N, C-alpha and C. Protein backbone atom coordinates (compact mmCIF):
# COMPACT_ATOMS: atom_id res chain seq x y z
N MET A 1 264.99 114.09 184.54
CA MET A 1 263.94 114.49 183.53
C MET A 1 264.10 113.63 182.17
N THR A 2 263.08 113.11 181.77
CA THR A 2 263.20 112.17 180.69
C THR A 2 263.29 113.42 179.38
N ASP A 3 264.24 113.24 178.43
CA ASP A 3 264.21 114.06 177.26
C ASP A 3 262.81 113.85 176.43
N GLN A 4 262.47 114.80 175.79
CA GLN A 4 261.27 114.61 174.84
C GLN A 4 262.03 114.95 173.36
N PRO A 5 261.45 114.31 172.38
CA PRO A 5 261.71 114.55 171.03
C PRO A 5 261.29 115.85 170.49
N SER A 6 262.51 116.41 169.83
CA SER A 6 262.42 117.79 169.33
C SER A 6 261.31 118.04 168.12
N THR A 7 260.38 119.06 168.15
CA THR A 7 259.63 119.26 167.14
C THR A 7 259.77 120.42 166.51
N GLN A 8 261.29 120.89 166.68
CA GLN A 8 261.69 122.11 165.97
C GLN A 8 261.65 121.56 164.48
N GLY A 9 261.50 122.52 163.64
CA GLY A 9 261.28 122.45 162.03
C GLY A 9 260.11 121.63 161.63
N ILE A 10 259.09 121.02 162.41
CA ILE A 10 258.20 120.20 162.09
C ILE A 10 256.95 121.49 161.54
N ASP A 11 256.53 121.10 160.55
CA ASP A 11 255.40 122.09 160.09
C ASP A 11 254.21 121.33 160.54
N PRO A 12 253.26 121.96 161.33
CA PRO A 12 251.82 121.38 161.99
C PRO A 12 250.93 120.92 160.73
N ALA A 13 251.02 121.80 159.72
CA ALA A 13 250.13 121.87 158.51
C ALA A 13 250.36 120.61 157.76
N THR A 14 251.77 120.55 157.57
CA THR A 14 252.13 119.32 156.75
C THR A 14 251.98 118.05 157.47
N THR A 15 252.29 117.91 158.65
CA THR A 15 251.98 116.80 159.69
C THR A 15 250.17 116.46 159.46
N ALA A 16 249.39 117.41 159.61
CA ALA A 16 248.11 117.41 159.64
C ALA A 16 247.56 116.58 158.13
N ALA A 17 248.22 117.27 157.25
CA ALA A 17 247.64 116.87 155.78
C ALA A 17 248.35 115.47 155.68
N ALA A 18 249.49 114.97 156.05
CA ALA A 18 250.05 113.63 156.12
C ALA A 18 249.12 112.63 156.85
N GLY A 19 248.69 113.01 157.95
CA GLY A 19 247.76 112.50 158.53
C GLY A 19 246.26 112.05 158.01
N LEU A 20 245.82 113.23 157.67
CA LEU A 20 244.50 112.79 156.79
C LEU A 20 244.75 112.16 155.52
N GLU A 21 245.68 112.24 154.93
CA GLU A 21 246.03 111.27 153.62
C GLU A 21 246.18 109.83 153.98
N MET A 22 246.94 109.70 155.30
CA MET A 22 246.96 108.13 155.49
C MET A 22 245.60 107.80 155.89
N MET A 23 244.80 108.56 156.56
CA MET A 23 243.49 108.11 156.89
C MET A 23 242.59 107.69 155.75
N THR A 24 242.79 108.41 154.39
CA THR A 24 242.21 108.28 153.20
C THR A 24 242.82 107.01 152.67
N LEU A 25 243.90 106.79 152.63
CA LEU A 25 244.30 105.61 152.10
C LEU A 25 244.26 104.44 152.81
N THR A 26 244.07 104.34 154.21
CA THR A 26 243.52 103.14 154.94
C THR A 26 241.99 103.07 154.86
N ARG A 27 241.29 104.03 154.51
CA ARG A 27 240.04 103.94 154.07
C ARG A 27 239.86 103.10 152.98
N TRP A 28 240.56 103.74 151.75
CA TRP A 28 240.45 102.81 150.71
C TRP A 28 240.89 101.31 150.71
N LEU A 29 241.80 101.00 151.46
CA LEU A 29 242.10 99.82 151.65
C LEU A 29 241.57 98.82 152.67
N SER A 30 240.63 99.32 153.22
CA SER A 30 240.01 98.63 154.35
C SER A 30 239.19 97.62 153.81
N PRO A 31 238.77 96.69 154.71
CA PRO A 31 237.62 95.58 154.12
C PRO A 31 236.27 96.31 153.92
N ALA A 32 236.05 97.46 154.53
CA ALA A 32 234.80 98.12 154.41
C ALA A 32 234.79 98.95 153.06
N PHE A 33 235.76 98.96 152.30
CA PHE A 33 235.75 99.49 150.76
C PHE A 33 234.99 98.82 150.20
N PRO A 34 234.06 99.00 149.18
CA PRO A 34 233.28 97.82 148.34
C PRO A 34 233.96 97.27 147.04
N LEU A 35 235.21 96.53 147.58
CA LEU A 35 235.98 95.80 146.33
C LEU A 35 235.55 94.33 146.11
N GLY A 36 234.90 93.77 147.17
CA GLY A 36 234.57 92.42 147.07
C GLY A 36 235.92 91.39 147.28
N SER A 37 236.67 91.84 147.80
CA SER A 37 238.03 91.05 148.01
C SER A 37 237.82 89.84 148.68
N PHE A 38 236.86 89.60 149.49
CA PHE A 38 236.70 88.69 150.27
C PHE A 38 236.34 87.23 149.64
N ALA A 39 235.97 87.57 148.38
CA ALA A 39 235.55 86.44 147.39
C ALA A 39 236.97 85.65 146.79
N TYR A 40 237.90 86.24 146.99
CA TYR A 40 239.02 85.98 146.13
C TYR A 40 240.13 85.21 146.91
N SER A 41 240.82 84.25 146.47
CA SER A 41 241.76 83.50 147.25
C SER A 41 243.21 83.37 146.37
N GLN A 42 243.39 84.06 145.08
CA GLN A 42 244.44 83.93 144.37
C GLN A 42 244.94 82.53 144.32
N GLY A 43 244.10 81.57 144.18
CA GLY A 43 244.36 80.35 143.72
C GLY A 43 244.92 79.25 145.07
N LEU A 44 244.88 80.33 146.16
CA LEU A 44 245.02 79.24 147.59
C LEU A 44 243.91 78.43 147.67
N GLU A 45 242.79 78.44 147.32
CA GLU A 45 241.87 77.45 147.57
C GLU A 45 242.26 76.15 146.92
N VAL A 46 242.79 76.17 146.09
CA VAL A 46 243.52 74.92 145.20
C VAL A 46 244.48 74.36 146.22
N GLU A 47 245.16 74.97 146.57
CA GLU A 47 246.41 74.52 147.63
C GLU A 47 245.67 73.76 148.66
N ILE A 48 244.92 74.55 149.38
CA ILE A 48 244.12 74.34 150.66
C ILE A 48 243.35 72.83 150.46
N SER A 49 242.59 72.90 149.34
CA SER A 49 241.69 71.77 149.16
C SER A 49 242.71 70.37 148.95
N ALA A 50 243.98 70.50 148.14
CA ALA A 50 244.76 69.36 148.14
C ALA A 50 245.64 69.16 149.32
N GLY A 51 245.25 69.65 150.31
CA GLY A 51 246.28 69.64 151.57
C GLY A 51 247.57 69.96 151.71
N ARG A 52 248.19 70.97 150.53
CA ARG A 52 249.37 71.34 150.38
C ARG A 52 249.66 72.46 151.33
N VAL A 53 248.51 73.25 151.69
CA VAL A 53 248.52 74.33 152.62
C VAL A 53 247.39 74.15 153.45
N ALA A 54 248.03 73.57 154.69
CA ALA A 54 247.18 72.89 155.61
C ALA A 54 247.23 73.69 157.14
N ASN A 55 248.12 74.39 157.35
CA ASN A 55 248.33 74.96 158.63
C ASN A 55 249.02 76.34 158.54
N ALA A 56 249.08 76.91 159.94
CA ALA A 56 249.68 78.23 159.75
C ALA A 56 251.31 78.45 159.14
N ALA A 57 252.04 77.68 159.42
CA ALA A 57 253.27 77.60 158.92
C ALA A 57 253.37 77.94 157.45
N GLN A 58 252.49 76.74 156.70
CA GLN A 58 252.45 76.88 155.43
C GLN A 58 251.80 77.97 154.80
N VAL A 59 250.48 78.39 155.35
CA VAL A 59 250.20 79.55 154.88
C VAL A 59 251.17 80.79 154.89
N GLN A 60 251.68 80.86 156.09
CA GLN A 60 252.80 82.05 156.10
C GLN A 60 253.87 82.02 155.13
N ASP A 61 254.50 80.80 154.73
CA ASP A 61 255.54 80.63 153.87
C ASP A 61 254.76 80.66 152.42
N TRP A 62 253.61 80.27 152.09
CA TRP A 62 253.02 80.60 150.88
C TRP A 62 253.06 82.16 150.57
N LEU A 63 252.41 82.74 151.43
CA LEU A 63 252.36 84.27 151.22
C LEU A 63 253.63 85.05 151.23
N GLU A 64 254.68 84.58 152.07
CA GLU A 64 255.80 85.30 151.98
C GLU A 64 256.44 84.92 150.48
N GLN A 65 256.33 83.79 149.91
CA GLN A 65 256.84 83.74 148.66
C GLN A 65 256.33 84.48 147.61
N VAL A 66 254.86 84.71 147.74
CA VAL A 66 254.00 85.59 146.58
C VAL A 66 254.31 86.89 146.95
N VAL A 67 254.58 87.40 148.31
CA VAL A 67 254.96 88.94 148.28
C VAL A 67 256.76 89.07 147.99
N ARG A 68 257.65 88.33 148.14
CA ARG A 68 258.67 88.51 147.82
C ARG A 68 259.06 88.14 146.29
N PHE A 69 258.42 87.31 145.73
CA PHE A 69 258.91 86.67 144.42
C PHE A 69 257.73 86.68 143.57
N GLY A 70 256.65 86.92 143.63
CA GLY A 70 255.29 86.71 143.07
C GLY A 70 254.60 87.93 142.59
N GLY A 71 253.27 87.72 142.54
CA GLY A 71 252.28 88.53 142.00
C GLY A 71 252.00 89.83 143.05
N LEU A 72 252.32 89.72 144.21
CA LEU A 72 252.33 90.98 144.93
C LEU A 72 253.46 91.84 144.96
N ARG A 73 254.74 91.24 144.75
CA ARG A 73 255.65 92.37 144.50
C ARG A 73 255.52 92.75 143.13
N THR A 74 254.88 92.24 141.92
CA THR A 74 254.61 92.91 140.85
C THR A 74 253.60 94.02 140.95
N ASP A 75 252.47 93.44 141.92
CA ASP A 75 251.36 94.77 142.14
C ASP A 75 252.24 95.97 142.75
N ALA A 76 253.31 95.73 143.63
CA ALA A 76 253.72 97.16 144.37
C ALA A 76 254.41 97.79 143.01
N ILE A 77 255.23 97.24 142.35
CA ILE A 77 255.76 98.09 141.15
C ILE A 77 254.99 98.68 140.26
N LEU A 78 253.85 97.86 139.87
CA LEU A 78 252.93 98.52 138.96
C LEU A 78 252.01 99.59 139.80
N LEU A 79 251.70 99.48 140.94
CA LEU A 79 251.26 100.66 141.81
C LEU A 79 252.12 101.97 141.54
N ILE A 80 253.41 101.70 141.88
CA ILE A 80 254.21 103.04 141.87
C ILE A 80 254.43 103.50 140.72
N ALA A 81 254.47 102.82 139.89
CA ALA A 81 254.43 103.19 138.09
C ALA A 81 253.30 104.11 138.07
N ALA A 82 252.07 103.46 138.21
CA ALA A 82 250.81 104.03 137.86
C ALA A 82 250.76 105.47 138.75
N ARG A 83 251.27 105.42 139.92
CA ARG A 83 251.38 106.79 140.90
C ARG A 83 252.14 107.71 140.19
N GLN A 84 253.04 107.39 139.64
CA GLN A 84 254.18 108.36 139.16
C GLN A 84 253.68 108.86 137.78
N GLY A 85 252.73 108.18 137.14
CA GLY A 85 252.10 108.53 135.85
C GLY A 85 252.72 108.08 134.60
N THR A 86 253.44 106.64 134.76
CA THR A 86 254.16 106.34 133.74
C THR A 86 253.13 105.43 132.72
N GLU A 87 253.40 105.94 131.47
CA GLU A 87 252.26 105.30 130.41
C GLU A 87 252.40 103.86 130.21
N GLY A 88 251.20 103.23 129.80
CA GLY A 88 251.30 102.02 129.59
C GLY A 88 251.03 100.91 130.65
N VAL A 89 251.05 101.16 131.88
CA VAL A 89 250.93 100.51 132.99
C VAL A 89 249.76 99.68 133.15
N ALA A 90 248.59 100.18 132.74
CA ALA A 90 247.22 99.57 132.54
C ALA A 90 247.15 98.28 131.66
N ASP A 91 247.88 98.53 130.48
CA ASP A 91 248.13 97.33 129.50
C ASP A 91 249.08 96.50 129.97
N LEU A 92 250.30 96.66 130.59
CA LEU A 92 251.07 95.85 131.11
C LEU A 92 250.61 94.96 132.14
N ALA A 93 249.78 95.82 132.92
CA ALA A 93 249.24 94.72 134.15
C ALA A 93 248.30 93.73 133.53
N ARG A 94 247.53 94.19 132.27
CA ARG A 94 246.74 92.97 132.05
C ARG A 94 247.61 91.79 131.29
N ALA A 95 248.57 92.38 130.79
CA ALA A 95 249.52 91.34 129.89
C ALA A 95 250.26 90.48 131.06
N LEU A 96 250.66 91.08 132.18
CA LEU A 96 251.02 90.12 133.19
C LEU A 96 250.38 89.05 133.88
N ALA A 97 248.90 89.25 133.70
CA ALA A 97 248.01 88.43 134.49
C ALA A 97 248.34 87.10 133.86
N PRO A 98 248.59 86.13 135.01
CA PRO A 98 249.07 84.62 134.78
C PRO A 98 247.92 83.79 134.41
N SER A 99 246.64 84.30 134.55
CA SER A 99 245.64 83.39 134.04
C SER A 99 244.25 84.27 134.04
N ALA A 100 243.30 83.78 133.49
CA ALA A 100 242.04 84.22 133.22
C ALA A 100 241.38 84.81 134.51
N GLU A 101 241.26 83.83 135.54
CA GLU A 101 240.99 84.09 136.51
C GLU A 101 241.47 85.47 137.42
N ARG A 102 242.73 85.32 137.64
CA ARG A 102 243.84 86.36 138.18
C ARG A 102 243.25 87.73 137.40
N TRP A 103 243.00 87.80 136.09
CA TRP A 103 242.89 89.01 135.50
C TRP A 103 241.57 89.62 136.01
N GLN A 104 240.52 88.63 135.82
CA GLN A 104 239.22 88.87 136.33
C GLN A 104 239.19 89.55 137.61
N GLU A 105 240.08 88.86 138.80
CA GLU A 105 240.07 89.43 139.83
C GLU A 105 240.52 90.82 140.02
N THR A 106 241.60 91.02 139.65
CA THR A 106 242.26 92.23 139.67
C THR A 106 241.54 93.60 139.08
N PHE A 107 240.94 93.11 137.76
CA PHE A 107 240.29 93.91 136.82
C PHE A 107 238.91 94.24 137.55
N GLN A 108 238.13 93.38 138.28
CA GLN A 108 237.16 93.59 138.88
C GLN A 108 237.01 94.28 140.21
N GLN A 109 237.93 94.11 140.66
CA GLN A 109 238.30 95.05 142.01
C GLN A 109 238.74 96.57 141.61
N GLY A 110 239.63 96.44 140.71
CA GLY A 110 239.89 97.74 140.45
C GLY A 110 238.99 98.61 139.68
N SER A 111 237.84 98.13 138.86
CA SER A 111 237.00 98.75 138.51
C SER A 111 235.86 99.12 139.50
N ALA A 112 235.73 98.37 140.56
CA ALA A 112 234.74 98.70 141.78
C ALA A 112 235.41 99.79 142.48
N PHE A 113 236.98 99.70 142.76
CA PHE A 113 237.71 100.89 143.53
C PHE A 113 237.48 102.23 142.74
N ALA A 114 237.60 102.13 141.40
CA ALA A 114 237.41 103.45 140.51
C ALA A 114 236.04 103.86 140.41
N ARG A 115 234.82 102.79 140.54
CA ARG A 115 233.50 103.17 140.44
C ARG A 115 233.15 104.24 141.55
N THR A 116 233.94 103.46 142.67
CA THR A 116 233.33 104.15 144.10
C THR A 116 233.76 105.24 144.01
N LEU A 117 235.20 105.45 143.83
CA LEU A 117 235.77 106.98 143.84
C LEU A 117 235.23 107.89 143.17
N ASN A 118 234.92 107.62 141.70
CA ASN A 118 234.25 108.42 140.81
C ASN A 118 232.84 108.63 141.22
N GLY A 119 232.21 107.84 141.87
CA GLY A 119 230.68 107.95 142.40
C GLY A 119 230.69 109.08 143.60
N MET A 120 232.02 109.17 144.57
CA MET A 120 231.95 109.93 145.46
C MET A 120 232.53 111.44 144.96
N GLY A 121 232.79 111.51 143.80
CA GLY A 121 233.22 112.82 143.25
C GLY A 121 234.80 113.20 143.55
N GLN A 122 235.57 112.06 143.55
CA GLN A 122 236.93 111.85 144.01
C GLN A 122 237.80 111.69 143.01
N GLY A 123 237.40 112.12 141.82
CA GLY A 123 238.45 111.65 140.55
C GLY A 123 237.66 111.25 139.29
N ASP A 124 238.35 110.84 138.20
CA ASP A 124 237.94 110.45 137.21
C ASP A 124 238.85 109.00 136.58
N ILE A 125 238.69 108.22 137.45
CA ILE A 125 239.58 107.02 137.30
C ILE A 125 238.96 106.01 136.38
N SER A 126 239.87 105.53 135.60
CA SER A 126 239.30 104.51 134.48
C SER A 126 239.56 103.15 135.18
N PRO A 127 238.61 102.20 134.71
CA PRO A 127 238.69 100.90 135.35
C PRO A 127 239.89 100.20 134.77
N ALA A 128 240.82 99.58 135.68
CA ALA A 128 242.17 99.13 135.61
C ALA A 128 242.15 98.01 136.49
N ALA A 129 243.50 97.37 136.37
CA ALA A 129 243.68 96.14 137.51
C ALA A 129 244.09 97.16 138.79
N LEU A 130 243.50 96.40 140.00
CA LEU A 130 243.40 97.07 141.16
C LEU A 130 244.83 97.91 141.67
N PRO A 131 246.13 97.57 141.41
CA PRO A 131 247.20 98.06 141.81
C PRO A 131 247.29 99.37 140.99
N VAL A 132 246.96 99.29 139.79
CA VAL A 132 246.85 100.21 138.84
C VAL A 132 245.81 101.53 139.26
N ALA A 133 244.67 101.06 139.45
CA ALA A 133 243.49 102.25 140.04
C ALA A 133 243.98 102.77 141.10
N VAL A 134 244.66 101.85 142.22
CA VAL A 134 244.91 102.60 143.53
C VAL A 134 246.36 103.48 143.22
N GLY A 135 247.10 103.20 142.61
CA GLY A 135 248.39 103.90 142.11
C GLY A 135 247.73 105.17 141.63
N VAL A 136 247.12 105.35 140.57
CA VAL A 136 246.45 106.56 139.85
C VAL A 136 245.74 107.35 141.07
N ALA A 137 244.81 106.94 141.69
CA ALA A 137 244.23 107.59 142.77
C ALA A 137 244.98 108.21 143.77
N SER A 138 246.11 107.47 144.28
CA SER A 138 246.93 107.80 145.35
C SER A 138 248.14 108.77 144.70
N ALA A 139 247.95 109.16 143.56
CA ALA A 139 249.01 110.14 143.12
C ALA A 139 248.55 111.60 143.97
N ARG A 140 247.53 111.82 144.29
CA ARG A 140 247.18 113.15 145.07
C ARG A 140 247.55 112.89 146.60
N LEU A 141 247.67 111.87 146.99
CA LEU A 141 248.32 111.94 148.35
C LEU A 141 249.61 112.14 148.30
N ALA A 142 250.03 113.38 148.27
CA ALA A 142 251.32 113.82 147.99
C ALA A 142 252.37 113.95 149.27
N HIS A 143 251.71 113.73 150.34
CA HIS A 143 252.33 113.92 151.63
C HIS A 143 252.91 112.32 151.84
N LEU A 144 252.50 111.36 151.14
CA LEU A 144 252.72 110.02 151.69
C LEU A 144 253.68 109.49 150.32
N SER A 145 254.83 108.78 150.94
CA SER A 145 255.85 108.44 150.25
C SER A 145 255.35 107.10 149.42
N ASP A 146 256.04 106.71 148.16
CA ASP A 146 255.44 105.62 147.40
C ASP A 146 255.64 104.34 148.26
N ALA A 147 256.83 104.30 149.09
CA ALA A 147 257.07 103.00 149.83
C ALA A 147 255.66 102.89 150.72
N VAL A 148 255.45 104.23 151.27
CA VAL A 148 254.44 104.00 152.36
C VAL A 148 253.12 103.41 151.64
N VAL A 149 252.57 104.03 150.52
CA VAL A 149 251.53 103.62 149.80
C VAL A 149 251.65 101.97 149.41
N ALA A 150 252.74 101.66 148.94
CA ALA A 150 252.85 100.27 148.49
C ALA A 150 252.83 99.42 149.70
N ALA A 151 253.46 99.75 150.97
CA ALA A 151 253.45 98.85 151.92
C ALA A 151 252.08 98.63 152.67
N HIS A 152 251.32 99.60 152.40
CA HIS A 152 249.95 99.65 153.03
C HIS A 152 248.79 98.87 152.06
N TYR A 153 249.44 99.17 150.67
CA TYR A 153 248.77 97.98 149.64
C TYR A 153 248.85 96.63 149.95
N LEU A 154 250.09 96.40 150.27
CA LEU A 154 250.62 94.62 150.48
C LEU A 154 249.94 94.33 151.46
N GLN A 155 249.86 95.10 152.61
CA GLN A 155 249.19 94.68 153.87
C GLN A 155 247.69 94.30 153.92
N ALA A 156 247.25 95.32 153.14
CA ALA A 156 245.83 94.89 152.95
C ALA A 156 245.67 93.62 151.73
N ALA A 157 246.37 93.31 151.04
CA ALA A 157 246.13 92.48 150.26
C ALA A 157 246.46 91.09 151.05
N LEU A 158 247.56 90.99 151.72
CA LEU A 158 247.89 90.03 152.68
C LEU A 158 246.66 89.86 153.71
N SER A 159 246.30 90.81 154.11
CA SER A 159 245.06 90.57 155.16
C SER A 159 243.90 90.04 154.38
N SER A 160 243.54 90.24 153.40
CA SER A 160 242.43 89.49 152.63
C SER A 160 242.66 87.94 152.61
N LEU A 161 244.01 87.70 152.10
CA LEU A 161 244.32 86.47 152.06
C LEU A 161 244.43 85.47 153.24
N VAL A 162 244.67 86.24 154.06
CA VAL A 162 244.91 85.53 155.55
C VAL A 162 243.64 85.32 156.21
N SER A 163 242.53 86.28 155.83
CA SER A 163 241.21 86.29 156.09
C SER A 163 240.61 84.67 155.36
N ALA A 164 240.93 84.67 154.13
CA ALA A 164 240.44 83.68 153.40
C ALA A 164 240.73 82.16 153.93
N CYS A 165 242.08 82.35 154.54
CA CYS A 165 242.84 80.95 155.20
C CYS A 165 242.26 80.88 156.53
N VAL A 166 241.90 81.91 157.37
CA VAL A 166 241.38 81.64 158.45
C VAL A 166 239.89 81.02 158.36
N ARG A 167 239.16 81.21 157.21
CA ARG A 167 237.94 80.68 157.05
C ARG A 167 237.91 79.26 156.50
N PHE A 168 238.99 79.11 155.54
CA PHE A 168 238.95 77.73 154.98
C PHE A 168 240.04 76.78 155.29
N VAL A 169 241.16 77.05 155.86
CA VAL A 169 242.03 76.15 156.10
C VAL A 169 241.42 75.13 157.25
N PRO A 170 240.78 75.64 158.42
CA PRO A 170 240.67 76.82 158.87
C PRO A 170 241.89 77.27 160.01
N LEU A 171 242.18 78.62 160.02
CA LEU A 171 243.13 79.00 160.99
C LEU A 171 242.17 79.59 162.19
N GLY A 172 242.86 79.73 163.37
CA GLY A 172 242.14 80.51 164.30
C GLY A 172 242.49 82.05 164.01
N GLN A 173 241.72 82.93 164.78
CA GLN A 173 241.94 84.51 164.39
C GLN A 173 243.20 84.84 164.92
N THR A 174 243.55 84.42 165.94
CA THR A 174 245.07 84.75 166.59
C THR A 174 246.16 84.10 165.68
N GLU A 175 245.84 83.16 165.07
CA GLU A 175 246.95 82.37 164.21
C GLU A 175 246.98 83.35 162.99
N GLY A 176 245.85 83.78 162.81
CA GLY A 176 245.73 84.92 161.39
C GLY A 176 246.68 85.90 161.80
N GLN A 177 246.32 86.60 162.91
CA GLN A 177 247.04 87.74 163.24
C GLN A 177 248.45 87.54 163.50
N ARG A 178 248.95 86.46 164.01
CA ARG A 178 250.18 86.09 163.99
C ARG A 178 251.10 86.29 162.68
N ILE A 179 250.45 85.58 161.55
CA ILE A 179 251.06 85.39 160.31
C ILE A 179 251.17 86.76 159.62
N LEU A 180 250.21 87.62 159.94
CA LEU A 180 250.30 89.24 159.61
C LEU A 180 251.46 89.82 160.08
N GLU A 181 251.47 89.50 161.52
CA GLU A 181 252.59 90.21 162.19
C GLU A 181 253.95 89.99 161.66
N ALA A 182 254.19 88.69 161.35
CA ALA A 182 255.31 88.09 160.77
C ALA A 182 255.78 88.47 159.48
N LEU A 183 254.53 88.79 158.69
CA LEU A 183 254.69 89.03 157.23
C LEU A 183 254.87 90.74 157.06
N ALA A 184 254.78 91.49 158.20
CA ALA A 184 254.89 92.90 158.02
C ALA A 184 256.25 93.44 157.65
N PRO A 185 257.39 92.99 158.32
CA PRO A 185 258.63 93.23 157.93
C PRO A 185 258.95 92.67 156.37
N VAL A 186 258.38 91.86 155.86
CA VAL A 186 258.51 91.41 154.53
C VAL A 186 257.82 92.40 153.50
N ALA A 187 256.59 92.69 153.88
CA ALA A 187 255.80 93.59 153.03
C ALA A 187 256.64 95.04 153.06
N HIS A 188 257.08 95.50 154.08
CA HIS A 188 257.68 96.83 154.25
C HIS A 188 259.09 96.68 153.37
N SER A 189 259.69 95.48 153.52
CA SER A 189 261.24 95.39 152.67
C SER A 189 260.67 95.47 151.17
N VAL A 190 259.59 94.50 150.87
CA VAL A 190 259.25 94.49 149.34
C VAL A 190 258.94 95.88 148.91
N ALA A 191 258.14 96.70 149.81
CA ALA A 191 257.80 98.11 149.26
C ALA A 191 258.73 99.17 149.00
N GLN A 192 259.77 98.92 150.01
CA GLN A 192 260.94 99.78 149.91
C GLN A 192 261.62 99.46 148.52
N GLU A 193 261.81 98.08 148.07
CA GLU A 193 262.44 97.84 146.95
C GLU A 193 261.75 98.32 145.69
N ALA A 194 260.32 98.09 145.89
CA ALA A 194 259.54 98.57 144.75
C ALA A 194 259.73 100.03 144.33
N ALA A 195 259.67 100.81 145.51
CA ALA A 195 259.77 102.35 145.48
C ALA A 195 261.14 102.76 144.61
N VAL A 196 262.02 102.11 144.31
CA VAL A 196 263.35 102.29 143.73
C VAL A 196 263.61 101.32 142.27
N ALA A 197 262.39 100.62 142.21
CA ALA A 197 262.42 99.76 140.99
C ALA A 197 261.72 100.43 139.66
N GLY A 198 262.03 99.77 138.67
CA GLY A 198 261.38 100.18 137.43
C GLY A 198 260.49 99.18 136.87
N LEU A 199 259.58 99.47 135.77
CA LEU A 199 258.97 98.01 135.27
C LEU A 199 259.78 97.25 134.82
N GLU A 200 260.99 97.47 134.35
CA GLU A 200 261.79 96.39 133.88
C GLU A 200 262.31 95.46 134.94
N ASP A 201 262.24 95.87 135.91
CA ASP A 201 262.48 94.90 137.20
C ASP A 201 261.47 94.16 137.52
N ILE A 202 260.39 94.01 136.93
CA ILE A 202 259.13 93.24 137.42
C ILE A 202 259.66 91.41 136.75
N GLY A 203 259.36 90.58 137.86
CA GLY A 203 259.62 89.20 137.29
C GLY A 203 259.21 88.56 138.38
N SER A 204 258.64 87.28 138.16
CA SER A 204 258.00 86.37 138.82
C SER A 204 258.57 85.00 139.21
N ALA A 205 258.76 84.54 140.28
CA ALA A 205 259.50 83.23 140.40
C ALA A 205 258.41 82.52 141.24
N ALA A 206 257.32 82.87 141.23
CA ALA A 206 256.24 82.07 142.39
C ALA A 206 255.61 81.36 141.49
N ILE A 207 256.15 80.34 140.70
CA ILE A 207 255.46 79.39 139.51
C ILE A 207 254.42 78.76 140.36
N GLY A 208 254.29 78.25 141.52
CA GLY A 208 253.37 77.57 142.07
C GLY A 208 252.07 78.14 142.29
N ALA A 209 252.25 79.43 142.55
CA ALA A 209 251.13 80.16 142.83
C ALA A 209 250.20 80.50 141.66
N ASP A 210 251.05 80.80 140.55
CA ASP A 210 250.59 81.08 139.35
C ASP A 210 249.88 79.81 138.69
N LEU A 211 250.31 78.84 138.80
CA LEU A 211 249.78 77.47 138.44
C LEU A 211 248.35 76.98 139.16
N ALA A 212 248.58 77.38 140.66
CA ALA A 212 247.41 77.40 141.48
C ALA A 212 246.38 78.07 140.79
N ALA A 213 246.44 79.26 140.69
CA ALA A 213 245.51 80.07 140.16
C ALA A 213 244.73 79.78 138.72
N ALA A 214 245.67 78.93 137.96
CA ALA A 214 245.32 78.76 136.60
C ALA A 214 244.40 77.43 136.94
N GLU A 215 244.62 76.65 137.73
CA GLU A 215 244.22 75.27 138.14
C GLU A 215 242.94 75.54 138.90
N HIS A 216 242.66 76.63 139.44
CA HIS A 216 241.39 77.15 140.14
C HIS A 216 240.44 77.15 139.28
N GLU A 217 240.55 77.49 137.73
CA GLU A 217 239.44 77.90 137.02
C GLU A 217 238.76 76.44 136.70
N THR A 218 239.23 75.37 136.77
CA THR A 218 239.04 74.08 136.34
C THR A 218 238.39 73.62 137.76
N MET A 219 238.12 73.95 138.98
CA MET A 219 237.47 73.29 139.90
C MET A 219 236.21 73.12 139.83
N GLU A 220 235.41 72.10 140.05
CA GLU A 220 233.94 71.89 139.81
C GLU A 220 233.41 72.64 141.02
N VAL A 221 233.85 72.21 142.27
CA VAL A 221 233.24 72.74 143.45
C VAL A 221 234.28 73.81 144.10
N ARG A 222 233.93 74.89 144.30
CA ARG A 222 234.68 75.99 144.93
C ARG A 222 234.05 77.01 145.58
N ILE A 223 234.55 77.78 146.53
CA ILE A 223 233.99 78.58 147.40
C ILE A 223 234.48 80.07 146.97
N PHE A 224 235.67 80.31 146.70
CA PHE A 224 236.30 81.60 146.31
C PHE A 224 236.27 81.63 144.59
N ARG A 225 236.33 82.92 144.00
CA ARG A 225 236.23 83.07 142.50
C ARG A 225 237.36 83.26 141.98
N SER A 226 238.60 82.83 142.77
CA SER A 226 239.84 82.88 142.46
C SER A 226 240.71 82.06 143.24
């Protein structure tokens, strides 16, 4: 007879609440939520146009660096700080934006996120950078850990960027899913680190991504807004 996992000590009400909160979080971070994230590439359009990111391996490497050492790692730390009610996070997020377009991208999406939730009667969230707005809103998802919320945020961000690469490199849909599968442990690890980090631990070494985002502002012909 196969041993079954013990359910002793598990509160069904708590489990149900956590499940509902997870459904809420995944709905907020899904492509169906009206953020307009499909219109942004975080500077990747520059690299793809120049032929520096031209295949699945290069896409995966680029995105891994951004998660481990760049803007997405910063986003995870900002999100958790906002979720914990740390003061001054919204202003810090603006100060950390490496270019005008990257600020417009995160602020416009964060404002859309706040506007939608406010319109649904689910809070009174101020317009802010996207990770800050999500962090503030997710404070009420008390049954989910900081690391879980951050990991799902990172996965959603990666999914949006991979989708842009599928369309523009171009990549096959299966290749795109392989990249996301390979990056899942990276996103999980960074989220775990962010959960115990403080604002003083923010730092970026993905200089190429920041330069690409700044260069995108001068492109005469472009598909994406950043």
